[in-house]
Amino acid sequence: MTPNENLAERYRAYIDCLNKQDWDNLGSVVHEDVHYNGTRVGLTGYRQMLVGDFEAIPDLSFNIDFLVCEPPRIAARLLFGCTPKAMLFGLPVNGRKVNFSENVFYTFREGRVVDV
């Protein structure tokens, strides 16, 4: 397996963990020193953020549209079709279905996400 294939496999395991809301195993795919948007949030803070996201958007699902690997980094375009309970990006959607995409960059260390 090439480094790119291995990193892509690790990333897919990360996305699978999020979609399953498998918080007990989050540390196997996210580094304990994880940073989010330039701020160290740590594994506990990252988990709390994700739990809050799923509480606000019960049908949240991360769907990979495309993935580019250049170890130790990954760039991905994620697609979302979901029904937030109240606000999304400062807009009152209040239970209406919304579709959007997100372009996101990750850095991996020791096979786990360390920077988002």
C-alpha atoms as a PDB file:
ATOM      1  CA  MET A   1       0.000   0.000   0.000  1.00  0.00           C
ATOM      2  CA  THR A   2       1.390   3.414  -0.938  1.00  0.00           C
ATOM      3  CA  PRO A   3       1.559   6.297   1.587  1.00  0.00           C
ATOM      4  CA  ASN A   4      -1.288   8.022  -0.290  1.00  0.00           C
ATOM      5  CA  GLU A   5      -3.511   4.916  -0.149  1.00  0.00           C
ATOM      6  CA  ASN A   6      -2.740   4.448   3.541  1.00  0.00           C
ATOM      7  CA  LEU A   7      -3.549   8.072   4.363  1.00  0.00           C
ATOM      8  CA  ALA A   8      -6.776   7.932   2.334  1.00  0.00           C
ATOM      9  CA  GLU A   9      -7.740   4.763   4.215  1.00  0.00           C
ATOM     10  CA  ARG A  10      -7.054   6.489   7.566  1.00  0.00           C
ATOM     11  CA  TYR A  11      -9.156   9.463   6.481  1.00  0.00           C
ATOM     12  CA  ARG A  12     -12.063   7.226   5.492  1.00  0.00           C
ATOM     13  CA  ALA A  13     -11.819   5.570   8.934  1.00  0.00           C
ATOM     14  CA  TYR A  14     -12.040   9.059  10.476  1.00  0.00           C
ATOM     15  CA  ILE A  15     -15.158   9.926   8.429  1.00  0.00           C
ATOM     16  CA  ASP A  16     -16.698   6.551   9.320  1.00  0.00           C
ATOM     17  CA  CYS A  17     -16.060   7.229  13.019  1.00  0.00           C
ATOM     18  CA  LEU A  18     -17.817  10.608  12.752  1.00  0.00           C
ATOM     19  CA  ASN A  19     -20.810   9.222  10.867  1.00  0.00           C
ATOM     20  CA  LYS A  20     -21.218   6.400  13.395  1.00  0.00           C
ATOM     21  CA  GLN A  21     -20.791   8.909  16.242  1.00  0.00           C
ATOM     22  CA  ASP A  22     -18.329   6.410  17.696  1.00  0.00           C
ATOM     23  CA  TRP A  23     -16.982   8.845  20.275  1.00  0.00           C
ATOM     24  CA  ASP A  24     -15.325   6.110  22.356  1.00  0.00           C
ATOM     25  CA  ASN A  25     -12.987   5.376  19.421  1.00  0.00           C
ATOM     26  CA  LEU A  26     -12.428   8.961  18.271  1.00  0.00           C
ATOM     27  CA  GLY A  27      -8.907   8.899  19.728  1.00  0.00           C
ATOM     28  CA  SER A  28      -7.925   6.157  17.290  1.00  0.00           C
ATOM     29  CA  VAL A  29      -8.419   8.571  14.355  1.00  0.00           C
ATOM     30  CA  VAL A  30      -7.931  12.004  15.980  1.00  0.00           C
ATOM     31  CA  HIS A  31      -4.706  12.997  17.748  1.00  0.00           C
ATOM     32  CA  GLU A  32      -4.981  14.079  21.394  1.00  0.00           C
ATOM     33  CA  ASP A  33      -3.258  17.368  20.419  1.00  0.00           C
ATOM     34  CA  VAL A  34      -5.705  18.206  17.598  1.00  0.00           C
ATOM     35  CA  HIS A  35      -6.026  21.810  16.392  1.00  0.00           C
ATOM     36  CA  TYR A  36      -9.135  23.227  14.752  1.00  0.00           C
ATOM     37  CA  ASN A  37      -8.908  26.410  12.660  1.00  0.00           C
ATOM     38  CA  GLY A  38      -5.530  27.222  14.197  1.00  0.00           C
ATOM     39  CA  THR A  39      -6.558  26.733  17.825  1.00  0.00           C
ATOM     40  CA  ARG A  40      -5.573  23.759  19.967  1.00  0.00           C
ATOM     41  CA  VAL A  41      -8.830  22.181  21.120  1.00  0.00           C
ATOM     42  CA  GLY A  42      -7.458  18.781  22.101  1.00  0.00           C
ATOM     43  CA  LEU A  43      -9.302  15.523  21.703  1.00  0.00           C
ATOM     44  CA  THR A  44     -11.843  16.372  24.426  1.00  0.00           C
ATOM     45  CA  GLY A  45     -12.698  19.740  22.880  1.00  0.00           C
ATOM     46  CA  TYR A  46     -12.927  18.250  19.401  1.00  0.00           C
ATOM     47  CA  ARG A  47     -15.258  15.537  20.666  1.00  0.00           C
ATOM     48  CA  GLN A  48     -17.449  18.122  22.437  1.00  0.00           C
ATOM     49  CA  MET A  49     -17.661  20.165  19.221  1.00  0.00           C
ATOM     50  CA  LEU A  50     -18.740  17.115  17.209  1.00  0.00           C
ATOM     51  CA  VAL A  51     -21.297  16.016  19.803  1.00  0.00           C
ATOM     52  CA  GLY A  52     -22.754  19.541  19.681  1.00  0.00           C
ATOM     53  CA  ASP A  53     -22.879  19.426  15.885  1.00  0.00           C
ATOM     54  CA  PHE A  54     -24.859  16.180  15.960  1.00  0.00           C
ATOM     55  CA  GLU A  55     -27.203  17.532  18.645  1.00  0.00           C
ATOM     56  CA  ALA A  56     -27.941  20.585  16.483  1.00  0.00           C
ATOM     57  CA  ILE A  57     -28.158  18.502  13.285  1.00  0.00           C
ATOM     58  CA  PRO A  58     -29.424  15.003  14.155  1.00  0.00           C
ATOM     59  CA  ASP A  59     -29.214  13.712  10.559  1.00  0.00           C
ATOM     60  CA  LEU A  60     -25.681  15.070   9.977  1.00  0.00           C
ATOM     61  CA  SER A  61     -23.639  12.880   7.649  1.00  0.00           C
ATOM     62  CA  PHE A  62     -20.167  13.538   6.245  1.00  0.00           C
ATOM     63  CA  ASN A  63     -19.984  12.466   2.589  1.00  0.00           C
ATOM     64  CA  ILE A  64     -16.712  12.541   0.686  1.00  0.00           C
ATOM     65  CA  ASP A  65     -17.107  14.045  -2.780  1.00  0.00           C
ATOM     66  CA  PHE A  66     -13.395  14.000  -3.569  1.00  0.00           C
ATOM     67  CA  LEU A  67     -10.148  13.474  -1.755  1.00  0.00           C
ATOM     68  CA  VAL A  68      -6.607  14.603  -2.560  1.00  0.00           C
ATOM     69  CA  CYS A  69      -3.676  13.110  -0.646  1.00  0.00           C
ATOM     70  CA  GLU A  70      -0.242  14.599  -0.270  1.00  0.00           C
ATOM     71  CA  PRO A  71       1.092  13.071   2.941  1.00  0.00           C
ATOM     72  CA  PRO A  72       0.906  14.183   5.651  1.00  0.00           C
ATOM     73  CA  ARG A  73      -1.999  16.282   4.340  1.00  0.00           C
ATOM     74  CA  ILE A  74      -5.407  15.581   2.877  1.00  0.00           C
ATOM     75  CA  ALA A  75      -7.728  17.975   1.098  1.00  0.00           C
ATOM     76  CA  ALA A  76     -11.357  16.959   0.831  1.00  0.00           C
ATOM     77  CA  ARG A  77     -14.633  18.281  -0.448  1.00  0.00           C
ATOM     78  CA  LEU A  78     -17.443  17.082   1.788  1.00  0.00           C
ATOM     79  CA  LEU A  79     -21.106  17.148   0.827  1.00  0.00           C
ATOM     80  CA  PHE A  80     -23.931  17.603   3.304  1.00  0.00           C
ATOM     81  CA  GLY A  81     -27.688  17.241   2.991  1.00  0.00           C
ATOM     82  CA  CYS A  82     -29.182  17.707   6.443  1.00  0.00           C
ATOM     83  CA  THR A  83     -31.935  19.188   8.567  1.00  0.00           C
ATOM     84  CA  PRO A  84     -30.591  21.472  11.332  1.00  0.00           C
ATOM     85  CA  LYS A  85     -32.969  22.048  14.232  1.00  0.00           C
ATOM     86  CA  ALA A  86     -32.541  25.829  14.372  1.00  0.00           C
ATOM     87  CA  MET A  87     -29.582  27.883  13.087  1.00  0.00           C
ATOM     88  CA  LEU A  88     -26.941  27.015  10.511  1.00  0.00           C
ATOM     89  CA  PHE A  89     -24.159  29.467   9.623  1.00  0.00           C
ATOM     90  CA  GLY A  90     -26.164  32.196  11.361  1.00  0.00           C
ATOM     91  CA  LEU A  91     -29.284  31.517   9.315  1.00  0.00           C
ATOM     92  CA  PRO A  92     -32.584  30.362  10.851  1.00  0.00           C
ATOM     93  CA  VAL A  93     -33.261  27.148   8.929  1.00  0.00           C
ATOM     94  CA  ASN A  94     -35.516  25.749  11.673  1.00  0.00           C
ATOM     95  CA  GLY A  95     -35.856  22.167  10.500  1.00  0.00           C
ATOM     96  CA  ARG A  96     -35.725  22.777   6.753  1.00  0.00           C
ATOM     97  CA  LYS A  97     -33.514  20.560   4.591  1.00  0.00           C
ATOM     98  CA  VAL A  98     -30.296  22.233   3.432  1.00  0.00           C
ATOM     99  CA  ASN A  99     -27.553  21.112   1.067  1.00  0.00           C
ATOM    100  CA  PHE A 100     -24.037  22.507   1.148  1.00  0.00           C
ATOM    101  CA  SER A 101     -20.424  21.553   0.608  1.00  0.00           C
ATOM    102  CA  GLU A 102     -17.260  22.154   2.587  1.00  0.00           C
ATOM    103  CA  ASN A 103     -13.662  22.213   1.423  1.00  0.00           C
ATOM    104  CA  VAL A 104     -11.417  21.146   4.268  1.00  0.00           C
ATOM    105  CA  PHE A 105      -7.729  20.453   4.830  1.00  0.00           C
ATOM    106  CA  TYR A 106      -6.281  18.032   7.357  1.00  0.00           C
ATOM    107  CA  THR A 107      -2.794  17.245   8.605  1.00  0.00           C
ATOM    108  CA  PHE A 108      -2.059  13.803  10.021  1.00  0.00           C
ATOM    109  CA  ARG A 109       0.487  12.828  12.659  1.00  0.00           C
ATOM    110  CA  GLU A 110       1.026   9.247  13.784  1.00  0.00           C
ATOM    111  CA  GLY A 111      -1.838   8.178  11.509  1.00  0.00           C
ATOM    112  CA  ARG A 112      -4.367  10.483  13.178  1.00  0.00           C
ATOM    113  CA  VAL A 113      -5.871  13.888  12.388  1.00  0.00           C
ATOM    114  CA  VAL A 114      -3.872  16.565  14.189  1.00  0.00           C
ATOM    115  CA  ASP A 115      -4.974  19.706  12.362  1.00  0.00           C
ATOM    116  CA  VAL A 116      -8.309  20.599  10.725  1.00  0.00           C
END
